[in-house]
């Protein structure tokens, strides 16, 4: 499926708040968690990527610039009924291209254990030991850009 529009959205914009709601409903609410105002305020320096089908937001993620050429991908969320249809792959590939254009050389992330096979198919490798984050098992992963 290739009928997606991907773009960066500005922190605090209506598109940003729509992405927060999507991330909250897909990633946080199922775990009994909510974003705090402090967490959302800290996202001001991050880059927010949204994926649309027509006018509908179908997926999003956050990129957090780091040091030493690293950029961190986090909060990858896709509408449940569209998972497995290329939205996540499109988001990751768009984000990798953006990160390269910005001069970053490595993408790092904390993958939920259930998402590790998805990232491995896209060339990411696990490193370190399994750990708990937001109450569930995760793996640190990375990929050279």
N, C-alpha and C. Protein backbone atom coordinates (compact mmCIF):
# COMPACT_ATOMS: atom_id res chain seq x y z
N UNK A 1 0.85 -1.18 0.00
CA UNK A 1 0.00 0.00 0.00
C UNK A 1 0.89 1.24 0.00
N UNK A 2 0.70 2.13 -0.94
CA UNK A 2 1.58 3.29 -1.05
C UNK A 2 0.82 4.61 -1.06
N UNK A 3 -0.41 4.60 -0.67
CA UNK A 3 -1.20 5.83 -0.70
C UNK A 3 -1.10 6.62 0.60
N UNK A 4 0.11 6.70 1.14
CA UNK A 4 0.34 7.41 2.39
C UNK A 4 1.04 8.73 2.12
N UNK A 5 0.70 9.74 2.92
CA UNK A 5 1.41 11.01 2.92
C UNK A 5 2.12 11.10 4.26
N UNK A 6 3.43 11.27 4.22
CA UNK A 6 4.22 11.41 5.44
C UNK A 6 4.76 12.81 5.52
N UNK A 7 4.72 13.39 6.72
CA UNK A 7 5.24 14.74 6.90
C UNK A 7 5.56 14.98 8.36
N UNK A 8 6.42 15.98 8.56
CA UNK A 8 6.75 16.42 9.90
C UNK A 8 5.65 17.37 10.38
N UNK A 9 5.28 17.26 11.65
CA UNK A 9 4.29 18.16 12.22
C UNK A 9 4.91 18.93 13.38
N UNK A 10 4.45 20.14 13.57
CA UNK A 10 5.03 21.04 14.58
C UNK A 10 4.47 20.74 15.97
N UNK A 11 5.38 20.71 16.95
CA UNK A 11 4.98 20.52 18.35
C UNK A 11 3.95 21.59 18.72
N UNK A 12 2.87 21.18 19.34
CA UNK A 12 1.84 22.11 19.79
C UNK A 12 0.76 22.39 18.76
N UNK A 13 0.96 21.97 17.52
CA UNK A 13 -0.03 22.21 16.45
C UNK A 13 -1.20 21.23 16.60
N UNK A 14 -2.32 21.50 15.94
CA UNK A 14 -3.42 20.53 15.96
C UNK A 14 -2.99 19.14 15.47
N UNK A 15 -2.12 19.08 14.46
CA UNK A 15 -1.64 17.79 13.98
C UNK A 15 -0.82 17.08 15.05
N UNK A 16 -0.04 17.83 15.82
CA UNK A 16 0.73 17.25 16.92
C UNK A 16 -0.23 16.65 17.95
N UNK A 17 -1.26 17.39 18.34
CA UNK A 17 -2.19 16.90 19.36
C UNK A 17 -2.94 15.67 18.87
N UNK A 18 -3.22 15.60 17.56
CA UNK A 18 -3.84 14.39 17.01
C UNK A 18 -2.88 13.20 17.14
N UNK A 19 -1.58 13.45 16.92
CA UNK A 19 -0.60 12.36 17.06
C UNK A 19 -0.46 11.94 18.53
N UNK A 20 -0.56 12.88 19.45
CA UNK A 20 -0.52 12.53 20.88
C UNK A 20 -1.69 11.61 21.22
N UNK A 21 -2.87 11.95 20.71
CA UNK A 21 -4.05 11.11 20.99
C UNK A 21 -3.88 9.71 20.39
N UNK A 22 -3.32 9.63 19.19
CA UNK A 22 -3.08 8.31 18.58
C UNK A 22 -2.08 7.52 19.41
N UNK A 23 -0.97 8.14 19.79
CA UNK A 23 0.04 7.45 20.61
C UNK A 23 -0.54 7.02 21.94
N UNK A 24 -1.35 7.89 22.53
CA UNK A 24 -1.97 7.58 23.82
C UNK A 24 -2.91 6.37 23.68
N UNK A 25 -3.75 6.38 22.66
CA UNK A 25 -4.74 5.30 22.52
C UNK A 25 -4.10 3.96 22.14
N UNK A 26 -3.04 3.99 21.33
CA UNK A 26 -2.42 2.74 20.88
C UNK A 26 -1.38 2.23 21.88
N UNK A 27 -0.59 3.13 22.44
CA UNK A 27 0.56 2.71 23.25
C UNK A 27 0.37 2.83 24.76
N UNK A 28 -0.33 3.83 25.22
CA UNK A 28 -0.39 4.10 26.65
C UNK A 28 -1.64 3.54 27.33
N UNK A 29 -2.81 3.88 26.82
CA UNK A 29 -4.06 3.45 27.48
C UNK A 29 -4.14 1.94 27.69
N UNK A 30 -3.70 1.11 26.70
CA UNK A 30 -3.77 -0.34 26.95
C UNK A 30 -2.95 -0.81 28.15
N UNK A 31 -1.96 -0.01 28.55
CA UNK A 31 -1.12 -0.34 29.70
C UNK A 31 -1.57 0.38 30.97
N UNK A 32 -2.66 1.13 30.87
CA UNK A 32 -3.14 1.88 32.02
C UNK A 32 -2.32 3.12 32.30
N UNK A 33 -1.62 3.63 31.28
CA UNK A 33 -0.75 4.80 31.45
C UNK A 33 -1.29 5.98 30.65
N UNK A 34 -0.87 7.19 31.05
CA UNK A 34 -1.21 8.41 30.32
C UNK A 34 0.04 9.29 30.24
N UNK A 35 0.08 10.15 29.24
CA UNK A 35 1.17 11.11 29.16
C UNK A 35 1.00 12.17 30.23
N UNK A 36 2.11 12.60 30.82
CA UNK A 36 2.06 13.71 31.76
C UNK A 36 2.32 15.01 31.00
N UNK A 37 1.88 16.14 31.53
CA UNK A 37 2.20 17.42 30.89
C UNK A 37 3.70 17.62 30.74
N UNK A 38 4.49 17.13 31.70
CA UNK A 38 5.94 17.28 31.63
C UNK A 38 6.52 16.47 30.47
N UNK A 39 6.02 15.25 30.26
CA UNK A 39 6.49 14.43 29.14
C UNK A 39 6.22 15.12 27.81
N UNK A 40 5.03 15.68 27.67
CA UNK A 40 4.66 16.33 26.42
C UNK A 40 5.44 17.63 26.21
N UNK A 41 5.68 18.38 27.29
CA UNK A 41 6.47 19.60 27.17
C UNK A 41 7.90 19.27 26.75
N UNK A 42 8.44 18.14 27.22
CA UNK A 42 9.80 17.73 26.88
C UNK A 42 9.94 17.37 25.41
N UNK A 43 8.83 17.14 24.73
CA UNK A 43 8.87 16.78 23.30
C UNK A 43 9.09 17.98 22.38
N UNK A 44 9.19 19.16 22.95
CA UNK A 44 9.32 20.38 22.14
C UNK A 44 10.55 20.33 21.23
N UNK A 45 11.63 19.73 21.67
CA UNK A 45 12.86 19.66 20.87
C UNK A 45 12.91 18.44 19.96
N UNK A 46 11.88 17.62 20.00
CA UNK A 46 11.82 16.41 19.17
C UNK A 46 11.20 16.71 17.82
N UNK A 47 11.34 15.77 16.91
CA UNK A 47 10.71 15.86 15.59
C UNK A 47 9.56 14.87 15.58
N UNK A 48 8.42 15.33 15.07
CA UNK A 48 7.19 14.54 15.10
C UNK A 48 6.78 14.22 13.67
N UNK A 49 6.70 12.93 13.37
CA UNK A 49 6.40 12.47 12.02
C UNK A 49 4.99 11.87 12.04
N UNK A 50 4.18 12.26 11.05
CA UNK A 50 2.82 11.76 10.94
C UNK A 50 2.62 11.12 9.58
N UNK A 51 1.80 10.09 9.55
CA UNK A 51 1.46 9.39 8.32
C UNK A 51 -0.06 9.48 8.14
N UNK A 52 -0.45 9.94 6.96
CA UNK A 52 -1.88 10.12 6.65
C UNK A 52 -2.28 9.26 5.48
N UNK A 53 -3.52 8.82 5.51
CA UNK A 53 -4.19 8.25 4.34
C UNK A 53 -5.35 9.20 4.09
N UNK A 54 -5.25 9.95 3.01
CA UNK A 54 -6.21 11.02 2.81
C UNK A 54 -6.03 12.04 3.92
N UNK A 55 -7.12 12.41 4.57
CA UNK A 55 -7.06 13.36 5.69
C UNK A 55 -6.91 12.66 7.05
N UNK A 56 -6.92 11.34 7.05
CA UNK A 56 -6.92 10.59 8.31
C UNK A 56 -5.51 10.27 8.77
N UNK A 57 -5.21 10.60 10.02
CA UNK A 57 -3.95 10.22 10.64
C UNK A 57 -4.00 8.72 10.91
N UNK A 58 -3.02 7.98 10.35
CA UNK A 58 -3.02 6.52 10.51
C UNK A 58 -1.80 6.02 11.28
N UNK A 59 -0.79 6.88 11.46
CA UNK A 59 0.40 6.48 12.20
C UNK A 59 1.27 7.67 12.52
N UNK A 60 2.16 7.49 13.48
CA UNK A 60 3.06 8.59 13.87
C UNK A 60 4.22 8.03 14.67
N UNK A 61 5.24 8.86 14.83
CA UNK A 61 6.37 8.53 15.69
C UNK A 61 7.09 9.81 16.08
N UNK A 62 8.01 9.67 17.02
CA UNK A 62 8.79 10.79 17.52
C UNK A 62 10.27 10.47 17.34
N UNK A 63 11.04 11.47 16.90
CA UNK A 63 12.49 11.36 16.80
C UNK A 63 13.12 12.34 17.78
N UNK A 64 14.03 11.84 18.61
CA UNK A 64 14.70 12.64 19.62
C UNK A 64 16.18 12.75 19.27
N UNK A 65 16.64 13.94 18.87
CA UNK A 65 18.06 14.10 18.55
C UNK A 65 18.93 13.81 19.76
N UNK A 66 20.03 13.10 19.51
CA UNK A 66 20.96 12.77 20.58
C UNK A 66 22.35 13.27 20.28
N UNK A 67 23.31 12.71 20.98
CA UNK A 67 24.71 13.11 20.82
C UNK A 67 25.46 12.06 20.02
N UNK A 68 26.61 12.45 19.50
CA UNK A 68 27.48 11.50 18.83
C UNK A 68 26.92 10.91 17.56
N UNK A 69 26.03 11.62 16.89
CA UNK A 69 25.46 11.12 15.64
C UNK A 69 24.23 10.27 15.81
N UNK A 70 23.78 10.06 17.05
CA UNK A 70 22.60 9.24 17.30
C UNK A 70 21.31 10.06 17.30
N UNK A 71 20.25 9.43 16.83
CA UNK A 71 18.90 9.97 16.96
C UNK A 71 18.03 8.80 17.42
N UNK A 72 17.12 9.07 18.34
CA UNK A 72 16.29 8.00 18.91
C UNK A 72 14.88 8.05 18.35
N UNK A 73 14.40 6.92 17.88
CA UNK A 73 13.02 6.77 17.44
C UNK A 73 12.21 6.24 18.61
N UNK A 74 11.06 6.85 18.86
CA UNK A 74 10.22 6.36 19.95
C UNK A 74 8.75 6.62 19.62
N UNK A 75 7.91 5.98 20.40
CA UNK A 75 6.47 6.19 20.32
C UNK A 75 5.90 5.94 18.92
N UNK A 76 6.34 4.85 18.28
CA UNK A 76 5.82 4.48 16.97
C UNK A 76 4.42 3.89 17.17
N UNK A 77 3.42 4.54 16.59
CA UNK A 77 2.04 4.10 16.76
C UNK A 77 1.33 4.05 15.41
N UNK A 78 0.61 2.96 15.18
CA UNK A 78 -0.17 2.78 13.95
C UNK A 78 -1.57 2.33 14.37
N UNK A 79 -2.59 2.88 13.71
CA UNK A 79 -3.95 2.44 14.00
C UNK A 79 -4.01 0.91 13.96
N UNK A 80 -4.62 0.29 14.96
CA UNK A 80 -4.63 -1.18 15.03
C UNK A 80 -5.16 -1.86 13.77
N UNK A 81 -6.20 -1.32 13.14
CA UNK A 81 -6.75 -1.99 11.96
C UNK A 81 -5.89 -1.84 10.71
N UNK A 82 -4.83 -1.02 10.78
CA UNK A 82 -3.91 -0.86 9.66
C UNK A 82 -2.53 -1.46 9.91
N UNK A 83 -2.33 -2.05 11.09
CA UNK A 83 -1.04 -2.66 11.38
C UNK A 83 -0.81 -3.82 10.42
N UNK A 84 0.42 -3.94 9.95
CA UNK A 84 0.76 -4.98 9.00
C UNK A 84 0.49 -4.60 7.55
N UNK A 85 0.10 -3.34 7.30
CA UNK A 85 -0.22 -2.89 5.94
C UNK A 85 0.75 -1.85 5.40
N UNK A 86 1.92 -1.73 6.02
CA UNK A 86 2.96 -0.87 5.48
C UNK A 86 3.08 0.50 6.11
N UNK A 87 2.20 0.86 7.03
CA UNK A 87 2.26 2.19 7.65
C UNK A 87 3.53 2.31 8.49
N UNK A 88 3.80 1.34 9.35
CA UNK A 88 4.98 1.40 10.20
C UNK A 88 6.26 1.42 9.38
N UNK A 89 6.33 0.58 8.36
CA UNK A 89 7.52 0.55 7.49
C UNK A 89 7.72 1.91 6.82
N UNK A 90 6.64 2.51 6.33
CA UNK A 90 6.74 3.83 5.69
C UNK A 90 7.23 4.88 6.68
N UNK A 91 6.72 4.85 7.90
CA UNK A 91 7.16 5.79 8.93
C UNK A 91 8.65 5.64 9.23
N UNK A 92 9.10 4.41 9.41
CA UNK A 92 10.50 4.16 9.74
C UNK A 92 11.39 4.60 8.58
N UNK A 93 11.05 4.24 7.36
CA UNK A 93 11.88 4.61 6.21
C UNK A 93 11.94 6.13 6.02
N UNK A 94 10.82 6.81 6.20
CA UNK A 94 10.78 8.27 6.11
C UNK A 94 11.68 8.88 7.18
N UNK A 95 11.59 8.34 8.40
CA UNK A 95 12.37 8.86 9.52
C UNK A 95 13.86 8.63 9.32
N UNK A 96 14.23 7.48 8.78
CA UNK A 96 15.64 7.21 8.50
C UNK A 96 16.19 8.21 7.46
N UNK A 97 15.41 8.46 6.41
CA UNK A 97 15.85 9.40 5.38
C UNK A 97 15.98 10.81 5.96
N UNK A 98 15.02 11.23 6.79
CA UNK A 98 15.09 12.53 7.43
C UNK A 98 16.33 12.62 8.32
N UNK A 99 16.56 11.59 9.12
CA UNK A 99 17.71 11.58 10.03
C UNK A 99 19.02 11.68 9.25
N UNK A 100 19.12 10.97 8.14
CA UNK A 100 20.33 11.06 7.30
C UNK A 100 20.51 12.48 6.78
N UNK A 101 19.43 13.10 6.28
CA UNK A 101 19.51 14.47 5.77
C UNK A 101 19.96 15.44 6.86
N UNK A 102 19.59 15.16 8.10
CA UNK A 102 19.95 16.02 9.22
C UNK A 102 21.36 15.74 9.75
N UNK A 103 22.03 14.73 9.18
CA UNK A 103 23.40 14.44 9.56
C UNK A 103 23.59 13.38 10.63
N UNK A 104 22.52 12.70 11.03
CA UNK A 104 22.65 11.64 12.03
C UNK A 104 23.18 10.38 11.35
N UNK A 105 23.91 9.57 12.10
CA UNK A 105 24.54 8.38 11.54
C UNK A 105 24.03 7.07 12.13
N UNK A 106 23.23 7.15 13.20
CA UNK A 106 22.70 5.93 13.82
C UNK A 106 21.34 6.20 14.41
N UNK A 107 20.39 5.30 14.10
CA UNK A 107 19.05 5.35 14.70
C UNK A 107 19.05 4.33 15.84
N UNK A 108 18.60 4.76 17.01
CA UNK A 108 18.48 3.86 18.16
C UNK A 108 17.03 3.87 18.62
N UNK A 109 16.61 2.79 19.27
CA UNK A 109 15.23 2.70 19.75
C UNK A 109 15.13 1.66 20.84
N UNK A 110 14.06 1.74 21.59
CA UNK A 110 13.68 0.72 22.56
C UNK A 110 12.43 0.06 22.00
N UNK A 111 12.57 -1.17 21.54
CA UNK A 111 11.45 -1.88 20.92
C UNK A 111 10.73 -2.75 21.93
N UNK A 112 9.41 -2.66 21.93
CA UNK A 112 8.64 -3.64 22.69
C UNK A 112 9.03 -5.02 22.16
N UNK A 113 9.11 -5.98 23.05
CA UNK A 113 9.55 -7.31 22.63
C UNK A 113 8.72 -7.84 21.46
N UNK A 114 7.44 -7.55 21.46
CA UNK A 114 6.56 -8.02 20.38
C UNK A 114 6.87 -7.35 19.04
N UNK A 115 7.56 -6.20 19.06
CA UNK A 115 7.87 -5.48 17.82
C UNK A 115 9.27 -5.78 17.29
N UNK A 116 10.07 -6.54 18.03
CA UNK A 116 11.44 -6.82 17.60
C UNK A 116 11.50 -7.41 16.19
N UNK A 117 10.68 -8.41 15.84
CA UNK A 117 10.75 -8.96 14.48
C UNK A 117 10.48 -7.91 13.39
N UNK A 118 9.58 -6.98 13.65
CA UNK A 118 9.31 -5.90 12.70
C UNK A 118 10.57 -5.09 12.43
N UNK A 119 11.26 -4.68 13.49
CA UNK A 119 12.47 -3.88 13.33
C UNK A 119 13.61 -4.68 12.72
N UNK A 120 13.71 -5.96 13.07
CA UNK A 120 14.76 -6.79 12.48
C UNK A 120 14.59 -6.89 10.96
N UNK A 121 13.35 -6.98 10.49
CA UNK A 121 13.10 -7.01 9.04
C UNK A 121 13.55 -5.73 8.35
N UNK A 122 13.61 -4.64 9.11
CA UNK A 122 14.03 -3.35 8.55
C UNK A 122 15.52 -3.07 8.79
N UNK A 123 16.25 -4.09 9.25
CA UNK A 123 17.70 -3.97 9.38
C UNK A 123 18.21 -3.57 10.74
N UNK A 124 17.36 -3.53 11.75
CA UNK A 124 17.79 -3.17 13.10
C UNK A 124 18.31 -4.40 13.82
N UNK A 125 19.25 -4.17 14.75
CA UNK A 125 19.84 -5.25 15.54
C UNK A 125 19.66 -4.96 17.01
N UNK A 126 19.42 -6.01 17.78
CA UNK A 126 19.34 -5.89 19.23
C UNK A 126 20.72 -5.74 19.83
N UNK A 127 20.81 -5.00 20.92
CA UNK A 127 22.04 -4.97 21.70
C UNK A 127 21.67 -4.87 23.17
N UNK A 128 22.57 -5.36 24.02
CA UNK A 128 22.30 -5.34 25.46
C UNK A 128 21.34 -6.44 25.87
N UNK A 129 20.79 -6.27 27.04
CA UNK A 129 19.89 -7.24 27.63
C UNK A 129 18.44 -6.74 27.58
N UNK A 130 17.52 -7.66 27.64
CA UNK A 130 16.10 -7.31 27.71
C UNK A 130 15.85 -6.52 28.99
N UNK A 131 14.96 -5.53 28.93
CA UNK A 131 14.66 -4.70 30.10
C UNK A 131 13.18 -4.34 30.11
N UNK A 132 12.71 -3.86 31.24
CA UNK A 132 11.32 -3.43 31.40
C UNK A 132 11.22 -1.93 31.18
N UNK A 133 10.23 -1.52 30.41
CA UNK A 133 9.94 -0.10 30.22
C UNK A 133 8.44 0.01 30.06
N UNK A 134 7.84 1.02 30.61
CA UNK A 134 6.38 1.19 30.64
C UNK A 134 5.67 -0.14 30.92
N UNK A 135 6.20 -0.85 31.88
CA UNK A 135 5.65 -2.09 32.45
C UNK A 135 5.80 -3.34 31.57
N UNK A 136 6.43 -3.27 30.40
CA UNK A 136 6.54 -4.44 29.52
C UNK A 136 7.98 -4.63 29.02
N UNK A 137 8.32 -5.87 28.56
CA UNK A 137 9.69 -6.14 28.10
C UNK A 137 10.04 -5.39 26.82
N UNK A 138 11.27 -4.88 26.78
CA UNK A 138 11.81 -4.14 25.63
C UNK A 138 13.23 -4.61 25.34
N UNK A 139 13.69 -4.29 24.14
CA UNK A 139 15.08 -4.50 23.72
C UNK A 139 15.60 -3.20 23.13
N UNK A 140 16.84 -2.86 23.44
CA UNK A 140 17.51 -1.75 22.75
C UNK A 140 17.92 -2.26 21.37
N UNK A 141 17.71 -1.43 20.36
CA UNK A 141 18.04 -1.79 18.98
C UNK A 141 18.68 -0.59 18.30
N UNK A 142 19.45 -0.87 17.24
CA UNK A 142 20.03 0.22 16.48
C UNK A 142 20.26 -0.17 15.02
N UNK A 143 20.55 0.85 14.23
CA UNK A 143 20.83 0.65 12.81
C UNK A 143 21.67 1.83 12.34
N UNK A 144 22.73 1.55 11.62
CA UNK A 144 23.53 2.61 11.02
C UNK A 144 22.77 3.25 9.88
N UNK A 145 22.90 4.56 9.80
CA UNK A 145 22.23 5.30 8.72
C UNK A 145 23.23 5.66 7.65
